[in-house]
Amino acid sequence: MQLKKTSEGEKMKKLFYGMILMLLVSVLVLSGCASTQTNTPATNDAGNQQAITPSNSNPTPKTYGLGDSFVAGDFTWKIINVSTATEIGQYYGETFMGEKANGVFVILDVEVENTGKSAQYLSDSLIKLVDDQDREFSASTVAAIYLKPEGSALMFEQINPGIIKKGKIVYDVPTGLKVANVKISSSLLTSESYTVKIDIP
């Protein structure tokens, strides 16, 4: 009888130790899961911060006005005047040599200086008109050829450092357009741009 009791006591001890071991294993597993769940949001938060940071680092571009000077790339720009015309050219007798607007020509008088360290190519494709419907208008090079005085059109040329170039840029826009933004790009190879708000007479 004593042997039987001893055997049962050993069984109880083994069962007790086994339960303790299982409990310890369960605690370790649960603590591992908890640490994984805790780390996951931190990773997501960091990811979210990285996604948000670039948008916060790009401030809203400043809008300039007529007569303001500003630097875009290697050029310093200034829009001096805005005028309109329905045709550009002249008549020889009854023959018109020039270009007639499909809507109305908007003519910008601009002043550009190369403030860089080397010669740079200046193109009228760097400067566009954008209306209140976000429609973008490119310069009309054909109409600009007929501007007076001859050679006053600002189209495509190389400008040396320190040289100031004055000229005109022409756009053919819908009749009735009264307010627009002039969007000037730093160069043909970048999306960086600057805005000048103008009133069209």
C-alpha atoms as a PDB file:
ATOM      1  CA  MET A   1       0.000   0.000   0.000  1.00  0.00           C
ATOM      2  CA  GLN A   2       2.846   2.364   0.744  1.00  0.00           C
ATOM      3  CA  LEU A   3       4.375   1.751  -2.687  1.00  0.00           C
ATOM      4  CA  LYS A   4       1.062   2.580  -4.325  1.00  0.00           C
ATOM      5  CA  LYS A   5       0.836   5.905  -2.474  1.00  0.00           C
ATOM      6  CA  THR A   6       4.425   6.777  -3.417  1.00  0.00           C
ATOM      7  CA  SER A   7       3.746   6.042  -7.071  1.00  0.00           C
ATOM      8  CA  GLU A   8       0.636   8.225  -7.043  1.00  0.00           C
ATOM      9  CA  GLY A   9       2.600  11.045  -5.367  1.00  0.00           C
ATOM     10  CA  GLU A  10       5.246  10.936  -8.078  1.00  0.00           C
ATOM     11  CA  LYS A  11       2.573  11.090 -10.745  1.00  0.00           C
ATOM     12  CA  MET A  12       1.065  14.162  -9.098  1.00  0.00           C
ATOM     13  CA  LYS A  13       4.478  15.836  -8.947  1.00  0.00           C
ATOM     14  CA  LYS A  14       5.123  15.133 -12.624  1.00  0.00           C
ATOM     15  CA  LEU A  15       1.704  16.493 -13.538  1.00  0.00           C
ATOM     16  CA  PHE A  16       2.290  19.592 -11.429  1.00  0.00           C
ATOM     17  CA  TYR A  17       5.702  20.276 -13.032  1.00  0.00           C
ATOM     18  CA  GLY A  18       4.267  19.625 -16.489  1.00  0.00           C
ATOM     19  CA  MET A  19       1.516  22.187 -15.906  1.00  0.00           C
ATOM     20  CA  ILE A  20       4.077  24.752 -14.730  1.00  0.00           C
ATOM     21  CA  LEU A  21       6.196  24.109 -17.824  1.00  0.00           C
ATOM     22  CA  MET A  22       3.188  24.501 -20.123  1.00  0.00           C
ATOM     23  CA  LEU A  23       2.254  27.730 -18.348  1.00  0.00           C
ATOM     24  CA  LEU A  24       5.753  29.126 -18.832  1.00  0.00           C
ATOM     25  CA  VAL A  25       5.726  28.190 -22.523  1.00  0.00           C
ATOM     26  CA  SER A  26       2.313  29.870 -22.956  1.00  0.00           C
ATOM     27  CA  VAL A  27       3.557  33.065 -21.270  1.00  0.00           C
ATOM     28  CA  LEU A  28       6.611  33.171 -23.513  1.00  0.00           C
ATOM     29  CA  VAL A  29       4.521  32.660 -26.689  1.00  0.00           C
ATOM     30  CA  LEU A  30       1.998  35.332 -25.677  1.00  0.00           C
ATOM     31  CA  SER A  31       4.707  37.854 -24.825  1.00  0.00           C
ATOM     32  CA  GLY A  32       6.318  37.228 -28.249  1.00  0.00           C
ATOM     33  CA  CYS A  33       2.996  37.893 -30.033  1.00  0.00           C
ATOM     34  CA  ALA A  34       2.426  41.032 -28.008  1.00  0.00           C
ATOM     35  CA  SER A  35       5.836  42.422 -28.913  1.00  0.00           C
ATOM     36  CA  THR A  36       5.189  41.701 -32.629  1.00  0.00           C
ATOM     37  CA  GLN A  37       1.830  43.529 -32.492  1.00  0.00           C
ATOM     38  CA  THR A  38       3.429  46.431 -30.657  1.00  0.00           C
ATOM     39  CA  ASN A  39       6.148  46.806 -33.289  1.00  0.00           C
ATOM     40  CA  THR A  40       3.802  46.636 -36.276  1.00  0.00           C
ATOM     41  CA  PRO A  41       2.034  49.975 -35.734  1.00  0.00           C
ATOM     42  CA  ALA A  42       5.389  51.652 -35.086  1.00  0.00           C
ATOM     43  CA  THR A  43       6.606  50.421 -38.467  1.00  0.00           C
ATOM     44  CA  ASN A  44       3.400  51.626 -40.115  1.00  0.00           C
ATOM     45  CA  ASP A  45       3.646  54.993 -38.375  1.00  0.00           C
ATOM     46  CA  ALA A  46       7.197  55.398 -39.576  1.00  0.00           C
ATOM     47  CA  GLY A  47       6.083  54.479 -43.078  1.00  0.00           C
ATOM     48  CA  ASN A  48       3.251  56.994 -42.892  1.00  0.00           C
ATOM     49  CA  GLN A  49       5.622  59.710 -41.698  1.00  0.00           C
ATOM     50  CA  GLN A  50       7.964  58.983 -44.570  1.00  0.00           C
ATOM     51  CA  ALA A  51       5.062  59.214 -47.004  1.00  0.00           C
ATOM     52  CA  ILE A  52       3.844  62.515 -45.526  1.00  0.00           C
ATOM     53  CA  THR A  53       7.233  64.206 -45.132  1.00  0.00           C
ATOM     54  CA  PRO A  54       7.911  64.851 -48.848  1.00  0.00           C
ATOM     55  CA  SER A  55       4.542  66.586 -49.351  1.00  0.00           C
ATOM     56  CA  ASN A  56       5.210  68.814 -46.331  1.00  0.00           C
ATOM     57  CA  SER A  57       8.676  69.671 -47.625  1.00  0.00           C
ATOM     58  CA  ASN A  58       7.206  71.195 -50.814  1.00  0.00           C
ATOM     59  CA  PRO A  59       5.729  74.566 -49.837  1.00  0.00           C
ATOM     60  CA  THR A  60       3.054  76.210 -51.982  1.00  0.00           C
ATOM     61  CA  PRO A  61       4.802  78.090 -54.818  1.00  0.00           C
ATOM     62  CA  LYS A  62       4.807  81.872 -54.403  1.00  0.00           C
ATOM     63  CA  THR A  63       2.777  83.874 -56.904  1.00  0.00           C
ATOM     64  CA  TYR A  64       4.395  87.001 -58.334  1.00  0.00           C
ATOM     65  CA  GLY A  65       2.888  90.056 -59.988  1.00  0.00           C
ATOM     66  CA  LEU A  66       3.586  92.262 -62.992  1.00  0.00           C
ATOM     67  CA  GLY A  67       6.986  93.949 -62.626  1.00  0.00           C
ATOM     68  CA  ASP A  68       8.276  91.508 -59.950  1.00  0.00           C
ATOM     69  CA  SER A  69      11.716  89.965 -60.470  1.00  0.00           C
ATOM     70  CA  PHE A  70      12.325  86.326 -59.558  1.00  0.00           C
ATOM     71  CA  VAL A  71      14.940  83.668 -60.220  1.00  0.00           C
ATOM     72  CA  ALA A  72      14.048  80.506 -62.138  1.00  0.00           C
ATOM     73  CA  GLY A  73      17.072  78.297 -62.671  1.00  0.00           C
ATOM     74  CA  ASP A  74      19.882  80.339 -64.260  1.00  0.00           C
ATOM     75  CA  PHE A  75      17.546  83.127 -65.387  1.00  0.00           C
ATOM     76  CA  THR A  76      16.053  86.115 -63.596  1.00  0.00           C
ATOM     77  CA  TRP A  77      12.656  86.949 -65.079  1.00  0.00           C
ATOM     78  CA  LYS A  78      10.445  90.021 -65.066  1.00  0.00           C
ATOM     79  CA  ILE A  79       7.144  90.465 -66.931  1.00  0.00           C
ATOM     80  CA  ILE A  80       6.929  94.175 -67.735  1.00  0.00           C
ATOM     81  CA  ASN A  81       3.683  94.570 -69.672  1.00  0.00           C
ATOM     82  CA  VAL A  82       0.655  92.730 -71.119  1.00  0.00           C
ATOM     83  CA  SER A  83      -1.197  93.765 -74.298  1.00  0.00           C
ATOM     84  CA  THR A  84      -3.589  92.193 -76.820  1.00  0.00           C
ATOM     85  CA  ALA A  85      -4.127  92.218 -80.589  1.00  0.00           C
ATOM     86  CA  THR A  86      -6.374  90.461 -83.081  1.00  0.00           C
ATOM     87  CA  GLU A  87      -3.645  90.331 -85.720  1.00  0.00           C
ATOM     88  CA  ILE A  88       0.126  90.763 -85.915  1.00  0.00           C
ATOM     89  CA  GLY A  89       1.766  91.922 -89.134  1.00  0.00           C
ATOM     90  CA  GLN A  90       1.109  94.618 -91.715  1.00  0.00           C
ATOM     91  CA  TYR A  91      -0.757  95.292 -94.951  1.00  0.00           C
ATOM     92  CA  TYR A  92       0.915  95.803 -98.303  1.00  0.00           C
ATOM     93  CA  GLY A  93      -1.886  97.306-100.323  1.00  0.00           C
ATOM     94  CA  GLU A  94      -4.738  94.865 -99.809  1.00  0.00           C
ATOM     95  CA  THR A  95      -2.445  91.979 -98.929  1.00  0.00           C
ATOM     96  CA  PHE A  96      -1.911  91.192 -95.246  1.00  0.00           C
ATOM     97  CA  MET A  97       1.460  89.775 -94.332  1.00  0.00           C
ATOM     98  CA  GLY A  98       1.213  88.348 -90.863  1.00  0.00           C
ATOM     99  CA  GLU A  99      -0.911  86.185 -88.606  1.00  0.00           C
ATOM    100  CA  LYS A 100      -4.523  86.606 -87.451  1.00  0.00           C
ATOM    101  CA  ALA A 101      -5.619  85.277 -84.058  1.00  0.00           C
ATOM    102  CA  ASN A 102      -8.116  82.444 -83.826  1.00  0.00           C
ATOM    103  CA  GLY A 103      -9.212  84.099 -80.567  1.00  0.00           C
ATOM    104  CA  VAL A 104      -7.066  86.982 -79.413  1.00  0.00           C
ATOM    105  CA  PHE A 105      -3.289  87.398 -79.157  1.00  0.00           C
ATOM    106  CA  VAL A 106      -1.918  88.053 -75.669  1.00  0.00           C
ATOM    107  CA  ILE A 107       1.520  89.682 -75.924  1.00  0.00           C
ATOM    108  CA  LEU A 108       3.885  89.633 -72.959  1.00  0.00           C
ATOM    109  CA  ASP A 109       6.796  92.074 -72.727  1.00  0.00           C
ATOM    110  CA  VAL A 110       9.484  90.304 -70.717  1.00  0.00           C
ATOM    111  CA  GLU A 111      12.979  90.970 -69.444  1.00  0.00           C
ATOM    112  CA  VAL A 112      15.323  88.042 -68.820  1.00  0.00           C
ATOM    113  CA  GLU A 113      18.859  88.015 -67.432  1.00  0.00           C
ATOM    114  CA  ASN A 114      21.268  85.090 -67.421  1.00  0.00           C
ATOM    115  CA  THR A 115      22.488  85.093 -63.809  1.00  0.00           C
ATOM    116  CA  GLY A 116      24.327  81.777 -64.193  1.00  0.00           C
ATOM    117  CA  LYS A 117      28.035  81.131 -64.763  1.00  0.00           C
ATOM    118  CA  SER A 118      27.825  80.019 -68.394  1.00  0.00           C
ATOM    119  CA  ALA A 119      25.852  80.602 -71.591  1.00  0.00           C
ATOM    120  CA  GLN A 120      22.307  79.209 -71.423  1.00  0.00           C
ATOM    121  CA  TYR A 121      19.643  78.537 -74.042  1.00  0.00           C
ATOM    122  CA  LEU A 122      16.462  80.530 -73.562  1.00  0.00           C
ATOM    123  CA  SER A 123      13.248  79.261 -75.164  1.00  0.00           C
ATOM    124  CA  ASP A 124       9.684  80.575 -75.275  1.00  0.00           C
ATOM    125  CA  SER A 125       8.618  77.003 -74.445  1.00  0.00           C
ATOM    126  CA  LEU A 126       9.728  77.698 -70.841  1.00  0.00           C
ATOM    127  CA  ILE A 127       6.846  80.130 -70.363  1.00  0.00           C
ATOM    128  CA  LYS A 128       3.147  79.242 -70.715  1.00  0.00           C
ATOM    129  CA  LEU A 129      -0.229  80.802 -69.944  1.00  0.00           C
ATOM    130  CA  VAL A 130      -2.651  78.942 -67.663  1.00  0.00           C
ATOM    131  CA  ASP A 131      -6.276  80.113 -67.322  1.00  0.00           C
ATOM    132  CA  ASP A 132      -8.768  79.622 -64.472  1.00  0.00           C
ATOM    133  CA  GLN A 133      -9.849  76.288 -65.989  1.00  0.00           C
ATOM    134  CA  ASP A 134      -6.244  75.004 -65.817  1.00  0.00           C
ATOM    135  CA  ARG A 135      -5.959  75.094 -69.615  1.00  0.00           C
ATOM    136  CA  GLU A 136      -2.360  75.591 -70.686  1.00  0.00           C
ATOM    137  CA  PHE A 137      -1.429  77.750 -73.704  1.00  0.00           C
ATOM    138  CA  SER A 138       1.933  77.550 -75.469  1.00  0.00           C
ATOM    139  CA  ALA A 139       3.603  80.451 -77.240  1.00  0.00           C
ATOM    140  CA  SER A 140       2.746  81.128 -80.889  1.00  0.00           C
ATOM    141  CA  THR A 141       6.143  81.278 -82.566  1.00  0.00           C
ATOM    142  CA  VAL A 142       4.636  81.872 -86.032  1.00  0.00           C
ATOM    143  CA  ALA A 143       2.769  85.016 -84.897  1.00  0.00           C
ATOM    144  CA  ALA A 144       5.833  86.273 -82.994  1.00  0.00           C
ATOM    145  CA  ILE A 145       7.867  86.356 -86.229  1.00  0.00           C
ATOM    146  CA  TYR A 146       5.729  89.296 -87.447  1.00  0.00           C
ATOM    147  CA  LEU A 147       6.171  91.415 -84.315  1.00  0.00           C
ATOM    148  CA  LYS A 148       7.498  94.951 -84.702  1.00  0.00           C
ATOM    149  CA  PRO A 149      10.174  96.090 -84.314  1.00  0.00           C
ATOM    150  CA  GLU A 150      11.754  93.228 -86.205  1.00  0.00           C
ATOM    151  CA  GLY A 151      13.692  90.867 -83.949  1.00  0.00           C
ATOM    152  CA  SER A 152      11.714  91.762 -80.807  1.00  0.00           C
ATOM    153  CA  ALA A 153      10.283  88.241 -80.475  1.00  0.00           C
ATOM    154  CA  LEU A 154      11.748  86.143 -77.681  1.00  0.00           C
ATOM    155  CA  MET A 155      11.860  82.611 -79.099  1.00  0.00           C
ATOM    156  CA  PHE A 156      14.996  80.480 -78.906  1.00  0.00           C
ATOM    157  CA  GLU A 157      18.539  81.754 -78.490  1.00  0.00           C
ATOM    158  CA  GLN A 158      21.689  81.420 -76.433  1.00  0.00           C
ATOM    159  CA  ILE A 159      22.315  84.110 -73.818  1.00  0.00           C
ATOM    160  CA  ASN A 160      25.702  84.683 -72.199  1.00  0.00           C
ATOM    161  CA  PRO A 161      26.152  85.270 -68.423  1.00  0.00           C
ATOM    162  CA  GLY A 162      25.237  88.785 -67.279  1.00  0.00           C
ATOM    163  CA  ILE A 163      23.338  89.593 -70.505  1.00  0.00           C
ATOM    164  CA  ILE A 164      19.823  91.050 -70.189  1.00  0.00           C
ATOM    165  CA  LYS A 165      17.435  90.231 -73.012  1.00  0.00           C
ATOM    166  CA  LYS A 166      14.164  92.112 -73.573  1.00  0.00           C
ATOM    167  CA  GLY A 167      11.539  90.729 -75.900  1.00  0.00           C
ATOM    168  CA  LYS A 168       7.942  89.754 -76.553  1.00  0.00           C
ATOM    169  CA  ILE A 169       6.125  86.415 -76.340  1.00  0.00           C
ATOM    170  CA  VAL A 170       2.779  85.841 -78.086  1.00  0.00           C
ATOM    171  CA  TYR A 171      -0.112  83.507 -77.179  1.00  0.00           C
ATOM    172  CA  ASP A 172      -3.319  82.790 -79.096  1.00  0.00           C
ATOM    173  CA  VAL A 173      -6.065  82.414 -76.442  1.00  0.00           C
ATOM    174  CA  PRO A 174      -9.888  82.324 -76.449  1.00  0.00           C
ATOM    175  CA  THR A 175     -11.669  85.693 -76.656  1.00  0.00           C
ATOM    176  CA  GLY A 176     -12.873  86.941 -73.279  1.00  0.00           C
ATOM    177  CA  LEU A 177      -9.976  85.577 -71.216  1.00  0.00           C
ATOM    178  CA  LYS A 178      -9.295  88.264 -68.600  1.00  0.00           C
ATOM    179  CA  VAL A 179      -7.153  86.663 -65.906  1.00  0.00           C
ATOM    180  CA  ALA A 180      -4.386  84.117 -66.314  1.00  0.00           C
ATOM    181  CA  ASN A 181      -1.237  82.846 -64.674  1.00  0.00           C
ATOM    182  CA  VAL A 182       2.092  82.874 -66.443  1.00  0.00           C
ATOM    183  CA  LYS A 183       3.883  79.616 -65.589  1.00  0.00           C
ATOM    184  CA  ILE A 184       7.652  79.806 -65.998  1.00  0.00           C
ATOM    185  CA  SER A 185       9.793  76.664 -65.777  1.00  0.00           C
ATOM    186  CA  SER A 186      13.377  76.630 -64.508  1.00  0.00           C
ATOM    187  CA  SER A 187      14.493  74.601 -67.512  1.00  0.00           C
ATOM    188  CA  LEU A 188      13.258  72.089 -70.068  1.00  0.00           C
ATOM    189  CA  LEU A 189      14.559  69.240 -67.880  1.00  0.00           C
ATOM    190  CA  THR A 190      12.695  70.029 -64.646  1.00  0.00           C
ATOM    191  CA  SER A 191       9.091  70.307 -63.473  1.00  0.00           C
ATOM    192  CA  GLU A 192       9.905  73.186 -61.105  1.00  0.00           C
ATOM    193  CA  SER A 193       7.914  76.286 -62.058  1.00  0.00           C
ATOM    194  CA  TYR A 194       7.034  79.821 -60.922  1.00  0.00           C
ATOM    195  CA  THR A 195       3.734  81.682 -61.321  1.00  0.00           C
ATOM    196  CA  VAL A 196       3.015  85.290 -62.280  1.00  0.00           C
ATOM    197  CA  LYS A 197      -0.600  86.474 -62.069  1.00  0.00           C
ATOM    198  CA  ILE A 198      -1.633  88.864 -64.850  1.00  0.00           C
ATOM    199  CA  ASP A 199      -4.747  90.793 -65.900  1.00  0.00           C
ATOM    200  CA  ILE A 200      -5.451  90.731 -69.622  1.00  0.00           C
ATOM    201  CA  PRO A 201      -6.732  94.077 -71.007  1.00  0.00           C
END
